[in-house]
C-alpha cells in the first residue's frame, strides 16, 4: 500500500470519505418521521450511493491505496445537525432537502477535483459515474424542493 499520495489520490480519498458520510446522513434522514413522504426517494439514493462507494473502494484497492470507511464523528454531527434543523424548522422537508443539496454540491466539486490530472482509466470511469450519480441526485432533490414549494400555496 502506498503511503504517499498525489493531489488527485488525496482528492479521491476525500471523495470516498465524503460519499460515505453523505450516505450515512441520508440513512439518518430517512428515519425522520417528518420526511415519511420522501423516504422512498431517500432510500433509492442510499442504495445507489452504496453501489458507487463499493466501486470506488475497489478502484482504490486496485491503485494500491487503502480505502476510507468514512468519518463516524462527521456523520453523527451531520445527522444531529439535520435532526435539530428538522425539529425546529417550519418546513422540515424544505430545510432537509436544502441541506442535502448543499452536501451534493460539495460532492460534485470533490468529484470534479478528483478527475483533474488523473491518468488511471478505471478510476476515471468510476469517478465519471460518481459525478453523474451526484448530478442525478441533485436533480431528484431539486424536484423534491420544487414539488414541496408548490404545496406551500394555501
Protein backbone atom coordinates (compact mmCIF):
# COMPACT_ATOMS: atom_id res chain seq x y z
CA UNK A 1 0.00 0.00 0.00
CA UNK A 2 1.30 3.44 -0.92
CA UNK A 3 1.62 5.93 1.90
CA UNK A 4 2.50 8.95 -0.24
CA UNK A 5 -0.39 10.35 -2.22
CA UNK A 6 -0.65 12.72 -5.14
CA UNK A 7 -3.17 15.54 -5.00
CA UNK A 8 -5.61 13.54 -7.15
CA UNK A 9 -5.25 10.49 -4.88
CA UNK A 10 -5.88 12.67 -1.82
CA UNK A 11 -8.97 14.10 -3.55
CA UNK A 12 -10.21 10.59 -4.32
CA UNK A 13 -9.80 9.59 -0.68
CA UNK A 14 -11.66 12.72 0.43
CA UNK A 15 -14.42 11.96 -2.07
CA UNK A 16 -14.67 8.39 -0.81
CA UNK A 17 -14.99 9.50 2.82
CA UNK A 18 -17.48 12.23 1.90
CA UNK A 19 -19.64 9.81 -0.13
CA UNK A 20 -19.81 7.53 2.90
CA UNK A 21 -20.64 10.42 5.23
CA UNK A 22 -23.36 11.64 2.84
CA UNK A 23 -24.83 8.14 2.57
CA UNK A 24 -24.88 7.88 6.36
CA UNK A 25 -26.61 11.27 6.54
CA UNK A 26 -29.28 10.08 4.10
CA UNK A 27 -29.79 6.90 6.13
CA UNK A 28 -30.39 9.01 9.25
CA UNK A 29 -32.66 11.46 7.42
CA UNK A 30 -34.75 8.58 6.07
CA UNK A 31 -35.73 7.76 9.65
CA UNK A 32 -37.16 11.22 10.41
CA UNK A 33 -40.94 10.89 10.77
CA UNK A 34 -41.38 14.37 9.23
CA UNK A 35 -39.93 13.07 5.96
CA UNK A 36 -42.13 10.00 5.53
CA UNK A 37 -43.39 11.28 2.15
CA UNK A 38 -39.89 11.20 0.60
CA UNK A 39 -38.49 8.09 2.30
CA UNK A 40 -38.61 6.01 -0.89
CA UNK A 41 -36.57 8.60 -2.80
CA UNK A 42 -34.02 8.82 0.00
CA UNK A 43 -33.76 5.02 0.20
CA UNK A 44 -33.12 4.90 -3.57
CA UNK A 45 -30.35 7.49 -3.21
CA UNK A 46 -28.78 5.47 -0.37
CA UNK A 47 -28.87 2.30 -2.46
CA UNK A 48 -27.28 3.96 -5.50
CA UNK A 49 -24.71 5.71 -3.30
CA UNK A 50 -23.71 2.41 -1.67
CA UNK A 51 -23.05 0.88 -5.09
CA UNK A 52 -20.77 3.78 -6.04
CA UNK A 53 -18.93 3.63 -2.72
CA UNK A 54 -18.23 -0.07 -3.28
CA UNK A 55 -16.91 0.62 -6.79
CA UNK A 56 -14.69 3.48 -5.64
CA UNK A 57 -13.29 1.38 -2.79
CA UNK A 58 -12.38 -1.34 -5.28
CA UNK A 59 -10.67 1.20 -7.55
CA UNK A 60 -8.64 2.48 -4.59
CA UNK A 61 -7.58 -1.06 -3.74
CA UNK A 62 -6.61 -1.62 -7.38
CA UNK A 63 -4.44 1.53 -7.16
CA UNK A 64 -2.69 0.11 -4.10
CA UNK A 65 -4.48 2.51 -1.76
CA UNK A 66 -6.34 1.72 1.44
CA UNK A 67 -9.95 2.96 1.11
CA UNK A 68 -11.64 5.09 3.74
CA UNK A 69 -14.51 3.94 5.89
CA UNK A 70 -15.82 7.47 6.36
CA UNK A 71 -15.79 9.55 9.50
CA UNK A 72 -18.27 8.37 12.12
CA UNK A 73 -17.96 11.62 14.08
CA UNK A 74 -18.66 13.67 10.98
CA UNK A 75 -21.67 11.54 10.08
CA UNK A 76 -23.00 11.80 13.63
CA UNK A 77 -22.55 15.58 13.63
CA UNK A 78 -24.24 15.89 10.23
CA UNK A 79 -27.11 13.70 11.37
CA UNK A 80 -27.53 15.61 14.64
CA UNK A 81 -27.48 18.94 12.79
CA UNK A 82 -30.05 17.70 10.30
CA UNK A 83 -32.25 16.33 13.10
CA UNK A 84 -32.09 19.59 15.04
CA UNK A 85 -32.78 21.66 11.94
CA UNK A 86 -35.72 19.43 11.00
CA UNK A 87 -37.17 19.64 14.51
CA UNK A 88 -37.15 23.45 14.67
CA UNK A 89 -37.92 24.21 11.04
CA UNK A 90 -41.31 25.48 9.91
CA UNK A 91 -40.81 23.34 6.81
CA UNK A 92 -38.75 20.23 7.72
CA UNK A 93 -38.73 18.84 4.18
CA UNK A 94 -37.50 22.09 2.68
CA UNK A 95 -34.69 22.52 5.22
CA UNK A 96 -33.58 18.89 4.90
CA UNK A 97 -33.62 18.97 1.11
CA UNK A 98 -31.60 22.22 1.19
CA UNK A 99 -29.03 20.53 3.46
CA UNK A 100 -28.86 17.53 1.12
CA UNK A 101 -28.46 19.78 -1.93
CA UNK A 102 -25.55 21.56 -0.24
CA UNK A 103 -23.98 18.17 0.55
CA UNK A 104 -24.38 17.03 -3.08
CA UNK A 105 -22.85 20.27 -4.40
CA UNK A 106 -19.80 19.60 -2.21
CA UNK A 107 -19.59 16.05 -3.55
CA UNK A 108 -19.86 17.29 -7.12
CA UNK A 109 -16.92 19.64 -6.55
CA UNK A 110 -14.87 16.83 -4.99
CA UNK A 111 -15.67 14.51 -7.92
CA UNK A 112 -14.59 17.14 -10.42
CA UNK A 113 -11.40 17.91 -8.47
CA UNK A 114 -10.62 14.19 -8.31
CA UNK A 115 -10.77 13.93 -12.10
CA UNK A 116 -8.09 16.59 -12.61
CA UNK A 117 -4.65 15.25 -13.60
CA UNK A 118 -5.77 11.64 -13.31
CA UNK A 119 -4.33 9.08 -15.70
CA UNK A 120 -5.79 5.76 -14.50
CA UNK A 121 -8.61 4.79 -16.86
CA UNK A 122 -10.55 2.54 -14.45
CA UNK A 123 -10.75 5.10 -11.68
CA UNK A 124 -11.53 7.84 -14.20
CA UNK A 125 -14.58 5.91 -15.41
CA UNK A 126 -15.70 5.29 -11.82
CA UNK A 127 -15.31 8.98 -10.98
CA UNK A 128 -17.34 9.99 -14.05
CA UNK A 129 -20.05 7.54 -12.94
CA UNK A 130 -19.99 9.10 -9.46
CA UNK A 131 -20.16 12.59 -10.94
CA UNK A 132 -23.21 11.56 -13.00
CA UNK A 133 -24.79 9.92 -9.94
CA UNK A 134 -24.33 13.12 -7.90
CA UNK A 135 -25.85 15.20 -10.73
CA UNK A 136 -28.83 12.81 -10.89
CA UNK A 137 -29.21 13.03 -7.11
CA UNK A 138 -29.15 16.83 -7.30
CA UNK A 139 -31.88 16.71 -9.96
CA UNK A 140 -34.01 14.46 -7.75
CA UNK A 141 -33.52 16.73 -4.74
CA UNK A 142 -34.33 19.83 -6.76
CA UNK A 143 -37.54 18.18 -7.99
CA UNK A 144 -38.44 17.38 -4.36
CA UNK A 145 -37.82 21.01 -3.41
CA UNK A 146 -39.91 22.27 -6.34
CA UNK A 147 -42.72 19.82 -5.59
CA UNK A 148 -42.68 20.88 -1.93
CA UNK A 149 -42.69 24.61 -2.75
CA UNK A 150 -45.76 24.04 -4.92
CA UNK A 151 -47.57 22.69 -1.86
CA UNK A 152 -46.97 25.91 0.11
CA UNK A 153 -49.85 27.73 -1.54
CA UNK A 154 -52.99 27.64 0.61
